[in-house]
Amino acid sequence: MDTDSTSTSTSTSTTDIPAAEIPAAEIPAAEIPAGGIPPADAQGAQKKPFRLVRSRSDRMLGGVCGGIAAQLDIDVSLLRLGLVALTILGAGAGAVLYVAAWVLAPEVD
């Protein structure tokens, strides 16, 4: 039985690669700067941190869904349908969360 203890494979640590070349999903939380803003992704676009805000322009009641949809970059109609489903299936939990966000979230332009 022949056992070879030498390894010919090479591995590259993430510390050897510049942060701009590492996809954002692979960057450990320990490598994100103290300011909380993660480094730019591979295309150079800066990732902005999530803020709970209300929209002044895209609103039906308080602008909560419009503000969250703008922050998450998703369609506001999908978010509204999800909120209605959560309200119906969750015994009113969606409505409670909406009112709490309406009270706590600031308005933005």
PDB file of N, CA and C in Angstrom:
ATOM      1  N   MET A   1       0.846  -1.164   0.000  1.00  0.00           N
ATOM      2  CA  MET A   1       0.000   0.000   0.000  1.00  0.00           C
ATOM      3  C   MET A   1       0.897   1.233   0.000  1.00  0.00           C
ATOM      4  N   ASP A   2       0.733   2.067  -1.019  1.00  0.00           N
ATOM      5  CA  ASP A   2       1.589   3.233  -1.190  1.00  0.00           C
ATOM      6  C   ASP A   2       0.829   4.469  -0.730  1.00  0.00           C
ATOM      7  N   THR A   3       1.351   5.176   0.244  1.00  0.00           N
ATOM      8  CA  THR A   3       0.731   6.407   0.717  1.00  0.00           C
ATOM      9  C   THR A   3       1.634   7.565   0.393  1.00  0.00           C
ATOM     10  N   ASP A   4       1.110   8.509  -0.309  1.00  0.00           N
ATOM     11  CA  ASP A   4       1.877   9.696  -0.686  1.00  0.00           C
ATOM     12  C   ASP A   4       1.349  10.855   0.136  1.00  0.00           C
ATOM     13  N   SER A   5       2.181  11.420   0.968  1.00  0.00           N
ATOM     14  CA  SER A   5       1.734  12.490   1.864  1.00  0.00           C
ATOM     15  C   SER A   5       1.888  13.868   1.253  1.00  0.00           C
ATOM     16  N   THR A   6       2.473  13.965   0.063  1.00  0.00           N
ATOM     17  CA  THR A   6       2.636  15.282  -0.568  1.00  0.00           C
ATOM     18  C   THR A   6       1.402  15.599  -1.375  1.00  0.00           C
ATOM     19  N   SER A   7       1.060  16.831  -1.402  1.00  0.00           N
ATOM     20  CA  SER A   7      -0.109  17.285  -2.135  1.00  0.00           C
ATOM     21  C   SER A   7       0.345  18.201  -3.250  1.00  0.00           C
ATOM     22  N   THR A   8      -0.189  17.993  -4.426  1.00  0.00           N
ATOM     23  CA  THR A   8       0.186  18.836  -5.561  1.00  0.00           C
ATOM     24  C   THR A   8      -0.856  19.892  -5.855  1.00  0.00           C
ATOM     25  N   SER A   9      -1.950  19.894  -5.129  1.00  0.00           N
ATOM     26  CA  SER A   9      -2.976  20.898  -5.394  1.00  0.00           C
ATOM     27  C   SER A   9      -2.595  22.218  -4.747  1.00  0.00           C
ATOM     28  N   THR A  10      -2.961  23.279  -5.425  1.00  0.00           N
ATOM     29  CA  THR A  10      -2.715  24.619  -4.895  1.00  0.00           C
ATOM     30  C   THR A  10      -4.045  25.272  -4.621  1.00  0.00           C
ATOM     31  N   SER A  11      -4.127  25.960  -3.525  1.00  0.00           N
ATOM     32  CA  SER A  11      -5.348  26.680  -3.203  1.00  0.00           C
ATOM     33  C   SER A  11      -5.019  28.148  -3.033  1.00  0.00           C
ATOM     34  N   THR A  12      -5.950  28.963  -3.481  1.00  0.00           N
ATOM     35  CA  THR A  12      -5.778  30.403  -3.383  1.00  0.00           C
ATOM     36  C   THR A  12      -6.678  30.907  -2.277  1.00  0.00           C
ATOM     37  N   SER A  13      -6.108  31.561  -1.326  1.00  0.00           N
ATOM     38  CA  SER A  13      -6.873  32.124  -0.228  1.00  0.00           C
ATOM     39  C   SER A  13      -7.537  33.408  -0.701  1.00  0.00           C
ATOM     40  N   THR A  14      -8.665  33.767  -0.071  1.00  0.00           N
ATOM     41  CA  THR A  14      -9.340  35.009  -0.447  1.00  0.00           C
ATOM     42  C   THR A  14      -8.526  36.229  -0.052  1.00  0.00           C
ATOM     43  N   THR A  15      -7.533  36.063   0.805  1.00  0.00           N
ATOM     44  CA  THR A  15      -6.704  37.204   1.175  1.00  0.00           C
ATOM     45  C   THR A  15      -5.707  37.536   0.079  1.00  0.00           C
ATOM     46  N   ASP A  16      -5.445  36.597  -0.866  1.00  0.00           N
ATOM     47  CA  ASP A  16      -4.532  36.853  -1.964  1.00  0.00           C
ATOM     48  C   ASP A  16      -5.206  37.581  -3.116  1.00  0.00           C
ATOM     49  N   ILE A  17      -6.541  37.584  -3.162  1.00  0.00           N
ATOM     50  CA  ILE A  17      -7.293  38.196  -4.248  1.00  0.00           C
ATOM     51  C   ILE A  17      -7.812  39.549  -3.779  1.00  0.00           C
ATOM     52  N   PRO A  18      -7.689  40.602  -4.607  1.00  0.00           N
ATOM     53  CA  PRO A  18      -8.254  41.904  -4.221  1.00  0.00           C
ATOM     54  C   PRO A  18      -9.760  41.799  -4.005  1.00  0.00           C
ATOM     55  N   ALA A  19     -10.288  42.613  -3.097  1.00  0.00           N
ATOM     56  CA  ALA A  19     -11.707  42.552  -2.736  1.00  0.00           C
ATOM     57  C   ALA A  19     -12.616  42.836  -3.923  1.00  0.00           C
ATOM     58  N   ALA A  20     -12.169  43.635  -4.887  1.00  0.00           N
ATOM     59  CA  ALA A  20     -13.003  43.959  -6.038  1.00  0.00           C
ATOM     60  C   ALA A  20     -13.220  42.745  -6.935  1.00  0.00           C
ATOM     61  N   GLU A  21     -12.362  41.726  -6.858  1.00  0.00           N
ATOM     62  CA  GLU A  21     -12.486  40.549  -7.706  1.00  0.00           C
ATOM     63  C   GLU A  21     -13.254  39.421  -7.037  1.00  0.00           C
ATOM     64  N   ILE A  22     -13.597  39.538  -5.766  1.00  0.00           N
ATOM     65  CA  ILE A  22     -14.332  38.513  -5.039  1.00  0.00           C
ATOM     66  C   ILE A  22     -15.813  38.867  -5.109  1.00  0.00           C
ATOM     67  N   PRO A  23     -16.688  37.936  -5.537  1.00  0.00           N
ATOM     68  CA  PRO A  23     -18.122  38.229  -5.519  1.00  0.00           C
ATOM     69  C   PRO A  23     -18.568  38.580  -4.108  1.00  0.00           C
ATOM     70  N   ALA A  24     -19.540  39.497  -4.005  1.00  0.00           N
ATOM     71  CA  ALA A  24     -19.978  39.998  -2.698  1.00  0.00           C
ATOM     72  C   ALA A  24     -20.482  38.890  -1.791  1.00  0.00           C
ATOM     73  N   ALA A  25     -21.052  37.832  -2.353  1.00  0.00           N
ATOM     74  CA  ALA A  25     -21.582  36.745  -1.525  1.00  0.00           C
ATOM     75  C   ALA A  25     -20.463  35.955  -0.860  1.00  0.00           C
ATOM     76  N   GLU A  26     -19.231  36.025  -1.389  1.00  0.00           N
ATOM     77  CA  GLU A  26     -18.141  35.246  -0.831  1.00  0.00           C
ATOM     78  C   GLU A  26     -17.278  36.034   0.161  1.00  0.00           C
ATOM     79  N   ILE A  27     -17.555  37.311   0.354  1.00  0.00           N
ATOM     80  CA  ILE A  27     -16.763  38.121   1.274  1.00  0.00           C
ATOM     81  C   ILE A  27     -17.238  37.861   2.693  1.00  0.00           C
ATOM     82  N   PRO A  28     -16.369  37.360   3.569  1.00  0.00           N
ATOM     83  CA  PRO A  28     -16.772  37.118   4.956  1.00  0.00           C
ATOM     84  C   PRO A  28     -17.109  38.427   5.662  1.00  0.00           C
ATOM     85  N   ALA A  29     -17.980  38.344   6.646  1.00  0.00           N
ATOM     86  CA  ALA A  29     -18.395  39.531   7.382  1.00  0.00           C
ATOM     87  C   ALA A  29     -17.220  40.201   8.074  1.00  0.00           C
ATOM     88  N   ALA A  30     -16.187  39.441   8.416  1.00  0.00           N
ATOM     89  CA  ALA A  30     -15.027  40.008   9.097  1.00  0.00           C
ATOM     90  C   ALA A  30     -14.232  40.936   8.191  1.00  0.00           C
ATOM     91  N   GLU A  31     -14.385  40.804   6.855  1.00  0.00           N
ATOM     92  CA  GLU A  31     -13.628  41.633   5.935  1.00  0.00           C
ATOM     93  C   GLU A  31     -14.382  42.881   5.498  1.00  0.00           C
ATOM     94  N   ILE A  32     -15.628  43.066   5.945  1.00  0.00           N
ATOM     95  CA  ILE A  32     -16.370  44.278   5.625  1.00  0.00           C
ATOM     96  C   ILE A  32     -15.866  45.387   6.534  1.00  0.00           C
ATOM     97  N   PRO A  33     -15.585  46.573   5.983  1.00  0.00           N
ATOM     98  CA  PRO A  33     -15.042  47.667   6.795  1.00  0.00           C
ATOM     99  C   PRO A  33     -15.967  48.060   7.944  1.00  0.00           C
ATOM    100  N   ALA A  34     -15.402  48.759   8.907  1.00  0.00           N
ATOM    101  CA  ALA A  34     -16.140  49.141  10.111  1.00  0.00           C
ATOM    102  C   ALA A  34     -17.311  50.057   9.803  1.00  0.00           C
ATOM    103  N   GLY A  35     -17.261  50.788   8.695  1.00  0.00           N
ATOM    104  CA  GLY A  35     -18.350  51.685   8.325  1.00  0.00           C
ATOM    105  C   GLY A  35     -19.609  50.955   7.946  1.00  0.00           C
ATOM    106  N   GLY A  36     -19.519  49.642   7.676  1.00  0.00           N
ATOM    107  CA  GLY A  36     -20.682  48.854   7.366  1.00  0.00           C
ATOM    108  C   GLY A  36     -20.999  48.766   5.889  1.00  0.00           C
ATOM    109  N   ILE A  37     -20.317  49.533   5.045  1.00  0.00           N
ATOM    110  CA  ILE A  37     -20.567  49.491   3.618  1.00  0.00           C
ATOM    111  C   ILE A  37     -19.630  48.465   3.003  1.00  0.00           C
ATOM    112  N   PRO A  38     -20.182  47.417   2.394  1.00  0.00           N
ATOM    113  CA  PRO A  38     -19.321  46.403   1.802  1.00  0.00           C
ATOM    114  C   PRO A  38     -18.565  46.965   0.604  1.00  0.00           C
ATOM    115  N   PRO A  39     -17.454  46.343   0.215  1.00  0.00           N
ATOM    116  CA  PRO A  39     -16.690  46.831  -0.924  1.00  0.00           C
ATOM    117  C   PRO A  39     -17.473  46.668  -2.217  1.00  0.00           C
ATOM    118  N   ALA A  40     -16.954  47.265  -3.272  1.00  0.00           N
ATOM    119  CA  ALA A  40     -17.614  47.210  -4.568  1.00  0.00           C
ATOM    120  C   ALA A  40     -17.635  45.783  -5.087  1.00  0.00           C
ATOM    121  N   ASP A  41     -18.651  45.472  -5.901  1.00  0.00           N
ATOM    122  CA  ASP A  41     -18.717  44.138  -6.487  1.00  0.00           C
ATOM    123  C   ASP A  41     -17.820  44.067  -7.722  1.00  0.00           C
ATOM    124  N   ALA A  42     -17.883  42.965  -8.457  1.00  0.00           N
ATOM    125  CA  ALA A  42     -16.979  42.726  -9.587  1.00  0.00           C
ATOM    126  C   ALA A  42     -17.144  43.778 -10.680  1.00  0.00           C
ATOM    127  N   GLN A  43     -18.336  44.351 -10.845  1.00  0.00           N
ATOM    128  CA  GLN A  43     -18.542  45.368 -11.855  1.00  0.00           C
ATOM    129  C   GLN A  43     -18.155  46.757 -11.354  1.00  0.00           C
ATOM    130  N   GLY A  44     -17.781  46.896 -10.123  1.00  0.00           N
ATOM    131  CA  GLY A  44     -17.362  48.177  -9.561  1.00  0.00           C
ATOM    132  C   GLY A  44     -18.504  48.970  -8.945  1.00  0.00           C
ATOM    133  N   ALA A  45     -19.720  48.428  -8.930  1.00  0.00           N
ATOM    134  CA  ALA A  45     -20.852  49.130  -8.351  1.00  0.00           C
ATOM    135  C   ALA A  45     -20.782  49.032  -6.828  1.00  0.00           C
ATOM    136  N   GLN A  46     -20.927  50.149  -6.164  1.00  0.00           N
ATOM    137  CA  GLN A  46     -20.877  50.192  -4.702  1.00  0.00           C
ATOM    138  C   GLN A  46     -22.191  49.688  -4.136  1.00  0.00           C
ATOM    139  N   LYS A  47     -22.139  48.767  -3.193  1.00  0.00           N
ATOM    140  CA  LYS A  47     -23.339  48.252  -2.539  1.00  0.00           C
ATOM    141  C   LYS A  47     -23.765  49.236  -1.468  1.00  0.00           C
ATOM    142  N   LYS A  48     -25.048  49.643  -1.513  1.00  0.00           N
ATOM    143  CA  LYS A  48     -25.524  50.555  -0.482  1.00  0.00           C
ATOM    144  C   LYS A  48     -26.200  49.758   0.624  1.00  0.00           C
ATOM    145  N   PRO A  49     -26.072  50.189   1.863  1.00  0.00           N
ATOM    146  CA  PRO A  49     -26.720  49.469   2.965  1.00  0.00           C
ATOM    147  C   PRO A  49     -28.231  49.669   2.918  1.00  0.00           C
ATOM    148  N   PHE A  50     -28.970  48.699   3.447  1.00  0.00           N
ATOM    149  CA  PHE A  50     -30.428  48.778   3.459  1.00  0.00           C
ATOM    150  C   PHE A  50     -30.891  49.771   4.513  1.00  0.00           C
ATOM    151  N   ARG A  51     -31.821  50.629   4.129  1.00  0.00           N
ATOM    152  CA  ARG A  51     -32.456  51.561   5.064  1.00  0.00           C
ATOM    153  C   ARG A  51     -33.957  51.417   4.934  1.00  0.00           C
ATOM    154  N   LEU A  52     -34.644  51.339   6.048  1.00  0.00           N
ATOM    155  CA  LEU A  52     -36.104  51.288   6.040  1.00  0.00           C
ATOM    156  C   LEU A  52     -36.613  52.714   5.855  1.00  0.00           C
ATOM    157  N   VAL A  53     -37.161  53.004   4.675  1.00  0.00           N
ATOM    158  CA  VAL A  53     -37.662  54.342   4.355  1.00  0.00           C
ATOM    159  C   VAL A  53     -39.032  54.224   3.710  1.00  0.00           C
ATOM    160  N   ARG A  54     -39.765  55.344   3.717  1.00  0.00           N
ATOM    161  CA  ARG A  54     -41.061  55.428   3.045  1.00  0.00           C
ATOM    162  C   ARG A  54     -40.918  56.302   1.810  1.00  0.00           C
ATOM    163  N   SER A  55     -41.625  55.964   0.764  1.00  0.00           N
ATOM    164  CA  SER A  55     -41.568  56.708  -0.486  1.00  0.00           C
ATOM    165  C   SER A  55     -42.637  57.801  -0.489  1.00  0.00           C
ATOM    166  N   ARG A  56     -42.288  58.954  -1.023  1.00  0.00           N
ATOM    167  CA  ARG A  56     -43.285  60.014  -1.183  1.00  0.00           C
ATOM    168  C   ARG A  56     -43.999  59.905  -2.522  1.00  0.00           C
ATOM    169  N   SER A  57     -43.341  59.319  -3.512  1.00  0.00           N
ATOM    170  CA  SER A  57     -43.915  59.274  -4.859  1.00  0.00           C
ATOM    171  C   SER A  57     -44.657  57.965  -5.141  1.00  0.00           C
ATOM    172  N   ASP A  58     -44.166  56.837  -4.674  1.00  0.00           N
ATOM    173  CA  ASP A  58     -44.773  55.534  -4.954  1.00  0.00           C
ATOM    174  C   ASP A  58     -45.486  55.036  -3.708  1.00  0.00           C
ATOM    175  N   ARG A  59     -46.709  55.552  -3.492  1.00  0.00           N
ATOM    176  CA  ARG A  59     -47.419  55.209  -2.272  1.00  0.00           C
ATOM    177  C   ARG A  59     -48.886  54.959  -2.550  1.00  0.00           C
ATOM    178  N   MET A  60     -49.468  54.088  -1.741  1.00  0.00           N
ATOM    179  CA  MET A  60     -50.921  53.874  -1.756  1.00  0.00           C
ATOM    180  C   MET A  60     -51.500  54.342  -0.421  1.00  0.00           C
ATOM    181  N   LEU A  61     -50.862  53.944   0.667  1.00  0.00           N
ATOM    182  CA  LEU A  61     -51.258  54.428   1.989  1.00  0.00           C
ATOM    183  C   LEU A  61     -50.144  55.294   2.576  1.00  0.00           C
ATOM    184  N   GLY A  62     -49.122  54.650   3.097  1.00  0.00           N
ATOM    185  CA  GLY A  62     -48.056  55.388   3.763  1.00  0.00           C
ATOM    186  C   GLY A  62     -46.733  55.389   3.018  1.00  0.00           C
ATOM    187  N   GLY A  63     -46.640  54.678   1.905  1.00  0.00           N
ATOM    188  CA  GLY A  63     -45.396  54.635   1.149  1.00  0.00           C
ATOM    189  C   GLY A  63     -44.397  53.607   1.645  1.00  0.00           C
ATOM    190  N   VAL A  64     -44.818  52.741   2.553  1.00  0.00           N
ATOM    191  CA  VAL A  64     -43.910  51.750   3.133  1.00  0.00           C
ATOM    192  C   VAL A  64     -43.452  50.748   2.072  1.00  0.00           C
ATOM    193  N   CYS A  65     -44.399  50.169   1.328  1.00  0.00           N
ATOM    194  CA  CYS A  65     -44.037  49.176   0.301  1.00  0.00           C
ATOM    195  C   CYS A  65     -43.206  49.811  -0.802  1.00  0.00           C
ATOM    196  N   GLY A  66     -43.525  51.043  -1.195  1.00  0.00           N
ATOM    197  CA  GLY A  66     -42.747  51.730  -2.221  1.00  0.00           C
ATOM    198  C   GLY A  66     -41.318  51.981  -1.782  1.00  0.00           C
ATOM    199  N   GLY A  67     -41.132  52.356  -0.535  1.00  0.00           N
ATOM    200  CA  GLY A  67     -39.785  52.602  -0.018  1.00  0.00           C
ATOM    201  C   GLY A  67     -38.969  51.329   0.113  1.00  0.00           C
ATOM    202  N   ILE A  68     -39.586  50.265   0.615  1.00  0.00           N
ATOM    203  CA  ILE A  68     -38.881  48.986   0.755  1.00  0.00           C
ATOM    204  C   ILE A  68     -38.538  48.412  -0.615  1.00  0.00           C
ATOM    205  N   ALA A  69     -39.483  48.502  -1.563  1.00  0.00           N
ATOM    206  CA  ALA A  69     -39.233  47.988  -2.907  1.00  0.00           C
ATOM    207  C   ALA A  69     -38.090  48.756  -3.580  1.00  0.00           C
ATOM    208  N   ALA A  70     -38.013  50.053  -3.371  1.00  0.00           N
ATOM    209  CA  ALA A  70     -36.922  50.836  -3.955  1.00  0.00           C
ATOM    210  C   ALA A  70     -35.585  50.445  -3.340  1.00  0.00           C
ATOM    211  N   GLN A  71     -35.552  50.187  -2.039  1.00  0.00           N
ATOM    212  CA  GLN A  71     -34.311  49.796  -1.377  1.00  0.00           C
ATOM    213  C   GLN A  71     -33.854  48.409  -1.818  1.00  0.00           C
ATOM    214  N   LEU A  72     -34.797  47.494  -2.018  1.00  0.00           N
ATOM    215  CA  LEU A  72     -34.464  46.123  -2.406  1.00  0.00           C
ATOM    216  C   LEU A  72     -34.375  45.944  -3.914  1.00  0.00           C
ATOM    217  N   ASP A  73     -34.754  46.971  -4.672  1.00  0.00           N
ATOM    218  CA  ASP A  73     -34.734  46.959  -6.128  1.00  0.00           C
ATOM    219  C   ASP A  73     -35.600  45.827  -6.681  1.00  0.00           C
ATOM    220  N   ILE A  74     -36.842  45.757  -6.160  1.00  0.00           N
ATOM    221  CA  ILE A  74     -37.808  44.783  -6.660  1.00  0.00           C
ATOM    222  C   ILE A  74     -39.081  45.527  -7.034  1.00  0.00           C
ATOM    223  N   ASP A  75     -39.997  44.834  -7.727  1.00  0.00           N
ATOM    224  CA  ASP A  75     -41.255  45.438  -8.142  1.00  0.00           C
ATOM    225  C   ASP A  75     -42.152  45.652  -6.922  1.00  0.00           C
ATOM    226  N   VAL A  76     -42.707  46.847  -6.817  1.00  0.00           N
ATOM    227  CA  VAL A  76     -43.519  47.184  -5.651  1.00  0.00           C
ATOM    228  C   VAL A  76     -44.808  46.360  -5.615  1.00  0.00           C
ATOM    229  N   SER A  77     -45.317  45.960  -6.776  1.00  0.00           N
ATOM    230  CA  SER A  77     -46.548  45.155  -6.817  1.00  0.00           C
ATOM    231  C   SER A  77     -46.338  43.796  -6.162  1.00  0.00           C
ATOM    232  N   LEU A  78     -45.172  43.189  -6.385  1.00  0.00           N
ATOM    233  CA  LEU A  78     -44.878  41.902  -5.748  1.00  0.00           C
ATOM    234  C   LEU A  78     -44.808  42.044  -4.233  1.00  0.00           C
ATOM    235  N   LEU A  79     -44.226  43.118  -3.773  1.00  0.00           N
ATOM    236  CA  LEU A  79     -44.127  43.347  -2.330  1.00  0.00           C
ATOM    237  C   LEU A  79     -45.507  43.573  -1.723  1.00  0.00           C
ATOM    238  N   ARG A  80     -46.352  44.316  -2.425  1.00  0.00           N
ATOM    239  CA  ARG A  80     -47.711  44.552  -1.926  1.00  0.00           C
ATOM    240  C   ARG A  80     -48.523  43.255  -1.873  1.00  0.00           C
ATOM    241  N   LEU A  81     -48.390  42.418  -2.910  1.00  0.00           N
ATOM    242  CA  LEU A  81     -49.090  41.133  -2.894  1.00  0.00           C
ATOM    243  C   LEU A  81     -48.597  40.248  -1.752  1.00  0.00           C
ATOM    244  N   GLY A  82     -47.300  40.258  -1.509  1.00  0.00           N
ATOM    245  CA  GLY A  82     -46.752  39.492  -0.396  1.00  0.00           C
ATOM    246  C   GLY A  82     -47.266  39.995   0.941  1.00  0.00           C
ATOM    247  N   LEU A  83     -47.400  41.309   1.073  1.00  0.00           N
ATOM    248  CA  LEU A  83     -47.908  41.887   2.317  1.00  0.00           C
ATOM    249  C   LEU A  83     -49.373  41.516   2.538  1.00  0.00           C
ATOM    250  N   VAL A  84     -50.173  41.535   1.470  1.00  0.00           N
ATOM    251  CA  VAL A  84     -51.579  41.134   1.575  1.00  0.00           C
ATOM    252  C   VAL A  84     -51.676  39.658   1.964  1.00  0.00           C
ATOM    253  N   ALA A  85     -50.840  38.822   1.336  1.00  0.00           N
ATOM    254  CA  ALA A  85     -50.839  37.393   1.673  1.00  0.00           C
ATOM    255  C   ALA A  85     -50.431  37.174   3.130  1.00  0.00           C
ATOM    256  N   LEU A  86     -49.427  37.911   3.589  1.00  0.00           N
ATOM    257  CA  LEU A  86     -49.003  37.791   4.983  1.00  0.00           C
ATOM    258  C   LEU A  86     -50.100  38.252   5.932  1.00  0.00           C
ATOM    259  N   THR A  87     -50.836  39.287   5.548  1.00  0.00           N
ATOM    260  CA  THR A  87     -51.925  39.775   6.393  1.00  0.00           C
ATOM    261  C   THR A  87     -53.043  38.750   6.487  1.00  0.00           C
ATOM    262  N   ILE A  88     -53.392  38.140   5.343  1.00  0.00           N
ATOM    263  CA  ILE A  88     -54.495  37.171   5.340  1.00  0.00           C
ATOM    264  C   ILE A  88     -54.078  35.865   6.017  1.00  0.00           C
ATOM    265  N   LEU A  89     -52.931  35.339   5.635  1.00  0.00           N
ATOM    266  CA  LEU A  89     -52.504  34.043   6.160  1.00  0.00           C
ATOM    267  C   LEU A  89     -51.887  34.125   7.551  1.00  0.00           C
ATOM    268  N   GLY A  90     -51.391  35.292   7.909  1.00  0.00           N
ATOM    269  CA  GLY A  90     -50.710  35.436   9.188  1.00  0.00           C
ATOM    270  C   GLY A  90     -51.544  36.091  10.268  1.00  0.00           C
ATOM    271  N   ALA A  91     -52.854  36.035  10.121  1.00  0.00           N
ATOM    272  CA  ALA A  91     -53.778  36.567  11.138  1.00  0.00           C
ATOM    273  C   ALA A  91     -53.512  38.038  11.445  1.00  0.00           C
ATOM    274  N   GLY A  92     -53.241  38.812  10.397  1.00  0.00           N
ATOM    275  CA  GLY A  92     -53.066  40.250  10.570  1.00  0.00           C
ATOM    276  C   GLY A  92     -51.646  40.701  10.848  1.00  0.00           C
ATOM    277  N   ALA A  93     -50.686  39.787  10.805  1.00  0.00           N
ATOM    278  CA  ALA A  93     -49.292  40.143  11.097  1.00  0.00           C
ATOM    279  C   ALA A  93     -48.751  41.142  10.080  1.00  0.00           C
ATOM    280  N   GLY A  94     -49.162  41.016   8.821  1.00  0.00           N
ATOM    281  CA  GLY A  94     -48.703  41.948   7.791  1.00  0.00           C
ATOM    282  C   GLY A  94     -49.160  43.370   8.070  1.00  0.00           C
ATOM    283  N   ALA A  95     -50.400  43.516   8.526  1.00  0.00           N
ATOM    284  CA  ALA A  95     -50.934  44.843   8.839  1.00  0.00           C
ATOM    285  C   ALA A  95     -50.200  45.465  10.027  1.00  0.00           C
ATOM    286  N   VAL A  96     -49.886  44.646  11.009  1.00  0.00           N
ATOM    287  CA  VAL A  96     -49.153  45.149  12.177  1.00  0.00           C
ATOM    288  C   VAL A  96     -47.752  45.605  11.778  1.00  0.00           C
ATOM    289  N   LEU A  97     -47.077  44.809  10.945  1.00  0.00           N
ATOM    290  CA  LEU A  97     -45.738  45.195  10.476  1.00  0.00           C
ATOM    291  C   LEU A  97     -45.789  46.458   9.621  1.00  0.00           C
ATOM    292  N   TYR A  98     -46.829  46.592   8.786  1.00  0.00           N
ATOM    293  CA  TYR A  98     -46.970  47.782   7.943  1.00  0.00           C
ATOM    294  C   TYR A  98     -47.141  49.036   8.795  1.00  0.00           C
ATOM    295  N   VAL A  99     -48.010  48.959   9.782  1.00  0.00           N
ATOM    296  CA  VAL A  99     -48.244  50.126  10.657  1.00  0.00           C
ATOM    297  C   VAL A  99     -46.974  50.477  11.433  1.00  0.00           C
ATOM    298  N   ALA A 100     -46.255  49.469  11.909  1.00  0.00           N
ATOM    299  CA  ALA A 100     -45.008  49.732  12.633  1.00  0.00           C
ATOM    300  C   ALA A 100     -43.984  50.403  11.722  1.00  0.00           C
ATOM    301  N   ALA A 101     -43.871  49.927  10.487  1.00  0.00           N
ATOM    302  CA  ALA A 101     -42.931  50.551   9.550  1.00  0.00           C
ATOM    303  C   ALA A 101     -43.387  51.954   9.181  1.00  0.00           C
ATOM    304  N   TRP A 102     -44.683  52.181   9.086  1.00  0.00           N
ATOM    305  CA  TRP A 102     -45.223  53.499   8.771  1.00  0.00           C
ATOM    306  C   TRP A 102     -44.844  54.499   9.870  1.00  0.00           C
ATOM    307  N   VAL A 103     -44.914  54.064  11.100  1.00  0.00           N
ATOM    308  CA  VAL A 103     -44.602  54.945  12.229  1.00  0.00           C
ATOM    309  C   VAL A 103     -43.087  55.177  12.356  1.00  0.00           C
ATOM    310  N   LEU A 104     -42.289  54.124  12.146  1.00  0.00           N
ATOM    311  CA  LEU A 104     -40.852  54.192  12.410  1.00  0.00           C
ATOM    312  C   LEU A 104     -39.996  54.702  11.245  1.00  0.00           C
ATOM    313  N   ALA A 105     -40.437  54.471  10.018  1.00  0.00           N
ATOM    314  CA  ALA A 105     -39.599  54.785   8.850  1.00  0.00           C
ATOM    315  C   ALA A 105     -39.747  56.246   8.440  1.00  0.00           C
ATOM    316  N   PRO A 106     -38.631  56.918   8.161  1.00  0.00           N
ATOM    317  CA  PRO A 106     -38.710  58.307   7.683  1.00  0.00           C
ATOM    318  C   PRO A 106     -39.056  58.346   6.204  1.00  0.00           C
ATOM    319  N   GLU A 107     -39.612  59.468   5.750  1.00  0.00           N
ATOM    320  CA  GLU A 107     -39.913  59.659   4.329  1.00  0.00           C
ATOM    321  C   GLU A 107     -38.679  60.166   3.602  1.00  0.00           C
ATOM    322  N   VAL A 108     -38.517  59.720   2.371  1.00  0.00           N
ATOM    323  CA  VAL A 108     -37.440  60.212   1.516  1.00  0.00           C
ATOM    324  C   VAL A 108     -38.039  60.643   0.187  1.00  0.00           C
ATOM    325  N   ASP A 109     -37.313  61.467  -0.537  1.00  0.00           N
ATOM    326  CA  ASP A 109     -37.774  61.939  -1.854  1.00  0.00           C
ATOM    327  C   ASP A 109     -37.561  60.928  -2.923  1.00  0.00           C
TER     328      ASP A 109
END
